[in-house]
Amino acid sequence: MIELQDVFPCDNLSRDTLFGGELICYQHQKGYRFSIDSVLLAHFVEIRRGDSILDLGTGSGIIGMILLYRWQDRIRQLTGIEVQQGLAQLAGKNLRANRFEGSGRIIQGDIKEIDTFILAESYDKIVCNPPFYAPTTGRLSKNREAQTARHQILASLQNFLRAAAFAVKNGGEVYFIYPAEGVGECITLAEKYRLEVKKIQFIYSYPQTLDPARLVMLRCCKNGGRGAEVLPPLYVYCEKNGEFTPEMQKYYQTNQEVPLKDDY
């Protein structure tokens, strides 16, 4: 386990932004690059004042940075764990570029060995956008960094849920996003680690489609009681090849454009 503080060189990086340029995200031009699922999951998380948050498989750190951009005044501490050294260094650079280093930190480490560098039941919330695909399925990128981020080469969904269950406090929450076709596997494995599913939302491309849901987001509670709330579908686009829906547009607006909810 390595806690990263050194500045990462800017060679072969793109400087991308969100929220009208208010959030900076450096990314490897030919490596793993975040997609809409990270934006969706970050806005699915419910933040309370004083929360400590752990982001498993943080990549470039985008989910944690969105959370800090939206809710920095409420978040007590945010930690990102990333096994790939290049991405872990990049996530650290992104924290510094956005002046979030006082609220966040990045650890290079293997989530399968989380008990060697994270204390048990030490976080209020866990967020996780795990690799979606088995090693032999999906389109395999020629780039090793992208392969590892998208395919379960170094860790499986079960490994991520085990790590989440280890790190989250009793009664704490675990949020993750996964292909909708794998929702049964998600729920079964979550229950294996005493993570009771409490909220589910399916994500579709656009309202008129007859295609099944593409993604699913779940909120689990460690040792929570039975009973789950199924939210209305979330549509990404208004129509095929159309614009973002109003809900999706809000996810990309600045804090000034979207007033934040009162604390609870």
Protein backbone atom coordinates (compact mmCIF):
# COMPACT_ATOMS: atom_id res chain seq x y z
CA MET A 1 0.00 0.00 0.00
CA ILE A 2 1.34 3.44 -0.97
CA GLU A 3 -0.17 6.78 -0.08
CA LEU A 4 0.63 9.02 -3.03
CA GLN A 5 1.80 12.60 -2.68
CA ASP A 6 4.28 13.09 -5.53
CA VAL A 7 3.27 15.24 -8.49
CA PHE A 8 2.53 13.19 -11.60
CA PRO A 9 4.02 14.44 -14.91
CA CYS A 10 1.61 15.94 -17.45
CA ASP A 11 2.91 14.06 -20.52
CA ASN A 12 0.22 12.40 -22.63
CA LEU A 13 -2.60 13.84 -20.54
CA SER A 14 -5.76 15.61 -21.61
CA ARG A 15 -7.18 18.38 -19.44
CA ASP A 16 -10.92 17.77 -19.31
CA THR A 17 -13.52 19.68 -17.33
CA LEU A 18 -17.02 19.39 -15.86
CA PHE A 19 -19.50 21.95 -14.52
CA GLY A 20 -18.63 24.77 -16.89
CA GLY A 21 -14.91 24.34 -16.28
CA GLU A 22 -15.19 24.50 -12.48
CA LEU A 23 -13.93 20.91 -12.05
CA ILE A 24 -10.71 19.76 -13.74
CA CYS A 25 -9.97 16.13 -14.56
CA TYR A 26 -6.67 15.15 -16.14
CA GLN A 27 -6.88 11.84 -18.00
CA HIS A 28 -4.49 9.65 -19.92
CA GLN A 29 -5.13 10.22 -23.60
CA LYS A 30 -4.65 6.55 -24.44
CA GLY A 31 -5.61 4.95 -21.13
CA TYR A 32 -8.79 4.58 -19.10
CA ARG A 33 -11.17 7.54 -19.34
CA PHE A 34 -14.27 8.02 -17.21
CA SER A 35 -17.74 7.83 -18.72
CA ILE A 36 -21.31 8.76 -17.86
CA ASP A 37 -21.66 5.95 -15.30
CA SER A 38 -19.31 7.82 -12.94
CA VAL A 39 -21.43 10.97 -13.19
CA LEU A 40 -24.61 8.97 -12.57
CA LEU A 41 -23.27 7.20 -9.49
CA ALA A 42 -21.86 10.38 -7.94
CA HIS A 43 -25.31 11.96 -8.06
CA PHE A 44 -27.01 8.84 -6.67
CA VAL A 45 -25.11 9.07 -3.39
CA GLU A 46 -26.91 10.71 -0.46
CA ILE A 47 -24.50 12.85 1.58
CA ARG A 48 -24.95 13.80 5.24
CA ARG A 49 -22.85 16.26 7.18
CA GLY A 50 -19.71 14.68 8.63
CA ASP A 51 -19.65 11.70 6.26
CA SER A 52 -16.44 9.80 5.66
CA ILE A 53 -16.45 8.25 2.19
CA LEU A 54 -14.35 5.53 0.56
CA ASP A 55 -14.20 5.20 -3.24
CA LEU A 56 -13.13 1.69 -4.25
CA GLY A 57 -11.32 1.55 -7.59
CA THR A 58 -11.21 5.32 -7.92
CA GLY A 59 -9.50 5.46 -11.33
CA SER A 60 -8.74 9.11 -12.07
CA GLY A 61 -10.70 10.07 -8.95
CA ILE A 62 -13.68 11.49 -10.82
CA ILE A 63 -16.47 10.19 -8.54
CA GLY A 64 -14.77 11.50 -5.42
CA MET A 65 -14.09 14.85 -7.06
CA ILE A 66 -17.71 15.26 -8.12
CA LEU A 67 -18.78 14.50 -4.54
CA LEU A 68 -16.30 17.03 -3.18
CA TYR A 69 -17.37 19.63 -5.73
CA ARG A 70 -21.03 19.18 -4.77
CA TRP A 71 -20.69 18.55 -1.02
CA GLN A 72 -17.21 19.49 0.20
CA ASP A 73 -18.63 21.39 3.19
CA ARG A 74 -20.38 18.21 4.41
CA ILE A 75 -17.73 15.58 3.71
CA ARG A 76 -15.34 15.01 6.59
CA GLN A 77 -12.93 12.83 4.64
CA LEU A 78 -12.83 11.17 1.24
CA THR A 79 -10.39 8.38 0.39
CA GLY A 80 -9.88 6.81 -3.01
CA ILE A 81 -8.22 3.43 -3.48
CA GLU A 82 -6.71 2.48 -6.83
CA VAL A 83 -4.53 -0.53 -7.63
CA GLN A 84 -2.93 0.84 -10.82
CA GLN A 85 -0.03 3.14 -10.01
CA GLY A 86 -0.51 5.42 -13.01
CA LEU A 87 -4.18 6.01 -12.26
CA ALA A 88 -3.54 6.44 -8.53
CA GLN A 89 -0.94 9.12 -9.26
CA LEU A 90 -3.34 10.76 -11.70
CA ALA A 91 -6.12 10.81 -9.09
CA GLY A 92 -3.77 12.52 -6.66
CA LYS A 93 -2.88 15.10 -9.28
CA ASN A 94 -6.58 15.76 -9.89
CA LEU A 95 -7.23 16.32 -6.18
CA ARG A 96 -4.48 18.91 -6.09
CA ALA A 97 -5.59 20.55 -9.34
CA ASN A 98 -9.02 21.15 -7.78
CA ARG A 99 -7.63 22.09 -4.34
CA PHE A 100 -9.32 19.12 -2.71
CA GLU A 101 -6.19 17.73 -1.06
CA GLY A 102 -7.37 19.01 2.32
CA SER A 103 -10.52 16.87 2.11
CA GLY A 104 -9.35 13.90 0.06
CA ARG A 105 -6.48 11.47 -0.26
CA ILE A 106 -5.52 8.68 -2.66
CA ILE A 107 -4.07 5.32 -1.67
CA GLN A 108 -2.48 2.93 -4.14
CA GLY A 109 -3.54 -0.51 -2.97
CA ASP A 110 -5.27 -3.75 -3.86
CA ILE A 111 -8.85 -3.91 -2.59
CA LYS A 112 -8.40 -7.68 -2.09
CA GLU A 113 -5.94 -6.76 0.68
CA ILE A 114 -7.95 -3.85 2.08
CA ASP A 115 -7.64 -5.12 5.65
CA THR A 116 -3.89 -4.36 5.53
CA PHE A 117 -4.29 -0.60 5.04
CA ILE A 118 -7.88 0.36 5.99
CA LEU A 119 -9.44 -0.11 9.43
CA ALA A 120 -12.55 -2.28 9.61
CA GLU A 121 -15.89 -0.43 9.71
CA SER A 122 -14.20 2.99 9.47
CA TYR A 123 -16.29 4.68 6.74
CA ASP A 124 -19.86 5.95 6.68
CA LYS A 125 -20.30 5.41 2.95
CA ILE A 126 -18.64 3.37 0.22
CA VAL A 127 -18.95 4.21 -3.47
CA CYS A 128 -17.87 1.83 -6.18
CA ASN A 129 -17.92 1.76 -9.97
CA PRO A 130 -16.32 -1.69 -10.40
CA PRO A 131 -15.06 -3.22 -13.65
CA PHE A 132 -18.14 -4.35 -15.54
CA TYR A 133 -16.89 -7.24 -17.65
CA ALA A 134 -15.47 -10.70 -17.09
CA PRO A 135 -11.97 -11.08 -18.59
CA THR A 136 -13.29 -12.96 -21.63
CA THR A 137 -16.37 -10.82 -22.39
CA GLY A 138 -16.96 -7.37 -23.86
CA ARG A 139 -14.68 -5.49 -26.20
CA LEU A 140 -11.17 -5.80 -24.84
CA SER A 141 -9.08 -2.64 -25.17
CA LYS A 142 -5.51 -2.94 -26.39
CA ASN A 143 -4.50 -0.55 -23.63
CA ARG A 144 -3.59 -2.39 -20.42
CA GLU A 145 -4.78 0.39 -18.11
CA ALA A 146 -8.20 0.49 -19.79
CA GLN A 147 -8.40 -3.33 -19.79
CA THR A 148 -7.83 -3.49 -16.05
CA ALA A 149 -10.30 -0.69 -15.28
CA ARG A 150 -13.12 -2.16 -17.39
CA HIS A 151 -12.58 -5.91 -17.05
CA GLN A 152 -12.40 -8.01 -13.88
CA ILE A 153 -8.77 -8.94 -14.41
CA LEU A 154 -7.39 -8.06 -10.99
CA ALA A 155 -10.60 -8.14 -8.92
CA SER A 156 -14.16 -9.46 -9.27
CA LEU A 157 -17.47 -7.92 -8.23
CA GLN A 158 -17.37 -10.20 -5.21
CA ASN A 159 -13.94 -8.82 -4.25
CA PHE A 160 -15.31 -5.27 -4.38
CA LEU A 161 -18.39 -6.10 -2.31
CA ARG A 162 -16.30 -7.93 0.26
CA ALA A 163 -14.02 -4.88 0.54
CA ALA A 164 -17.02 -2.57 0.86
CA ALA A 165 -18.56 -4.70 3.60
CA PHE A 166 -15.26 -4.72 5.47
CA ALA A 167 -14.74 -0.95 5.37
CA VAL A 168 -18.30 0.35 5.93
CA LYS A 169 -19.65 0.95 9.42
CA ASN A 170 -22.56 -1.05 10.78
CA GLY A 171 -25.64 0.70 9.40
CA GLY A 172 -23.49 2.49 6.81
CA GLU A 173 -24.28 2.64 3.11
CA VAL A 174 -22.70 1.16 -0.01
CA TYR A 175 -23.47 2.60 -3.45
CA PHE A 176 -22.52 0.96 -6.73
CA ILE A 177 -23.39 0.86 -10.40
CA TYR A 178 -23.32 -2.19 -12.65
CA PRO A 179 -24.76 -3.49 -15.94
CA ALA A 180 -28.51 -4.06 -15.43
CA GLU A 181 -28.29 -7.64 -16.67
CA GLY A 182 -26.13 -8.41 -13.64
CA VAL A 183 -28.58 -7.10 -11.03
CA GLY A 184 -29.33 -10.60 -9.75
CA GLU A 185 -25.65 -11.28 -9.16
CA CYS A 186 -25.28 -7.90 -7.45
CA ILE A 187 -28.11 -8.52 -5.00
CA THR A 188 -27.05 -12.09 -4.24
CA LEU A 189 -23.44 -11.12 -3.52
CA ALA A 190 -24.45 -8.03 -1.55
CA GLU A 191 -26.63 -10.13 0.75
CA LYS A 192 -23.77 -12.59 1.19
CA TYR A 193 -21.81 -9.79 2.82
CA ARG A 194 -24.78 -8.51 4.89
CA LEU A 195 -25.36 -5.55 2.56
CA GLU A 196 -29.13 -5.30 2.30
CA VAL A 197 -30.33 -3.58 -0.88
CA LYS A 198 -32.50 -0.58 0.08
CA LYS A 199 -32.80 1.44 -3.13
CA ILE A 200 -32.65 0.45 -6.82
CA GLN A 201 -32.75 2.56 -9.95
CA PHE A 202 -32.55 1.26 -13.53
CA ILE A 203 -31.06 3.42 -16.28
CA TYR A 204 -32.36 3.41 -19.85
CA SER A 205 -31.08 5.15 -22.98
CA TYR A 206 -34.35 6.97 -23.82
CA PRO A 207 -38.09 6.63 -23.03
CA GLN A 208 -39.29 5.26 -26.37
CA THR A 209 -36.90 2.34 -26.52
CA LEU A 210 -38.00 -1.27 -26.15
CA ASP A 211 -34.44 -2.22 -25.20
CA PRO A 212 -33.84 -3.39 -21.62
CA ALA A 213 -32.20 -1.20 -19.02
CA ARG A 214 -28.49 -0.60 -19.58
CA LEU A 215 -27.33 0.02 -16.03
CA VAL A 216 -28.56 -0.31 -12.48
CA MET A 217 -27.59 1.66 -9.36
CA LEU A 218 -28.04 0.24 -5.89
CA ARG A 219 -27.86 1.61 -2.37
CA CYS A 220 -27.22 -1.02 0.30
CA CYS A 221 -27.21 -0.78 4.07
CA LYS A 222 -24.92 -2.94 6.16
CA ASN A 223 -27.11 -5.13 8.38
CA GLY A 224 -30.14 -3.18 7.20
CA GLY A 225 -33.68 -4.50 7.45
CA ARG A 226 -35.70 -6.01 4.62
CA GLY A 227 -37.49 -3.87 2.08
CA ALA A 228 -36.22 -2.03 -0.99
CA GLU A 229 -37.47 1.06 -2.82
CA VAL A 230 -37.46 0.82 -6.62
CA LEU A 231 -37.12 4.32 -8.04
CA PRO A 232 -38.67 5.45 -11.35
CA PRO A 233 -36.49 4.73 -14.41
CA LEU A 234 -33.76 7.23 -15.21
CA TYR A 235 -33.52 8.09 -18.91
CA VAL A 236 -30.26 9.49 -20.27
CA TYR A 237 -31.59 10.98 -23.52
CA CYS A 238 -34.94 12.48 -24.49
CA GLU A 239 -35.01 10.37 -27.64
CA LYS A 240 -32.72 8.33 -29.85
CA ASN A 241 -29.71 10.48 -30.82
CA GLY A 242 -31.34 13.31 -28.89
CA GLU A 243 -30.28 15.65 -26.10
CA PHE A 244 -29.86 14.78 -22.45
CA THR A 245 -33.07 14.63 -20.42
CA PRO A 246 -33.62 17.53 -17.98
CA GLU A 247 -32.54 15.27 -15.09
CA MET A 248 -29.27 14.38 -16.83
CA GLN A 249 -28.65 18.02 -17.72
CA LYS A 250 -28.79 18.89 -14.01
CA TYR A 251 -25.98 16.43 -13.35
CA TYR A 252 -23.67 18.54 -15.52
CA GLN A 253 -24.73 21.98 -14.27
CA THR A 254 -22.78 24.07 -11.79
CA ASN A 255 -23.72 24.41 -8.14
CA GLN A 256 -24.93 27.93 -8.92
CA GLU A 257 -27.25 26.60 -11.61
CA VAL A 258 -28.56 23.77 -9.41
CA PRO A 259 -29.08 24.95 -5.81
CA LEU A 260 -28.14 22.19 -3.40
CA LYS A 261 -30.67 20.70 -1.01
CA ASP A 262 -30.72 21.70 2.63
CA ASP A 263 -28.73 19.51 5.01
CA TYR A 264 -30.43 16.53 6.64
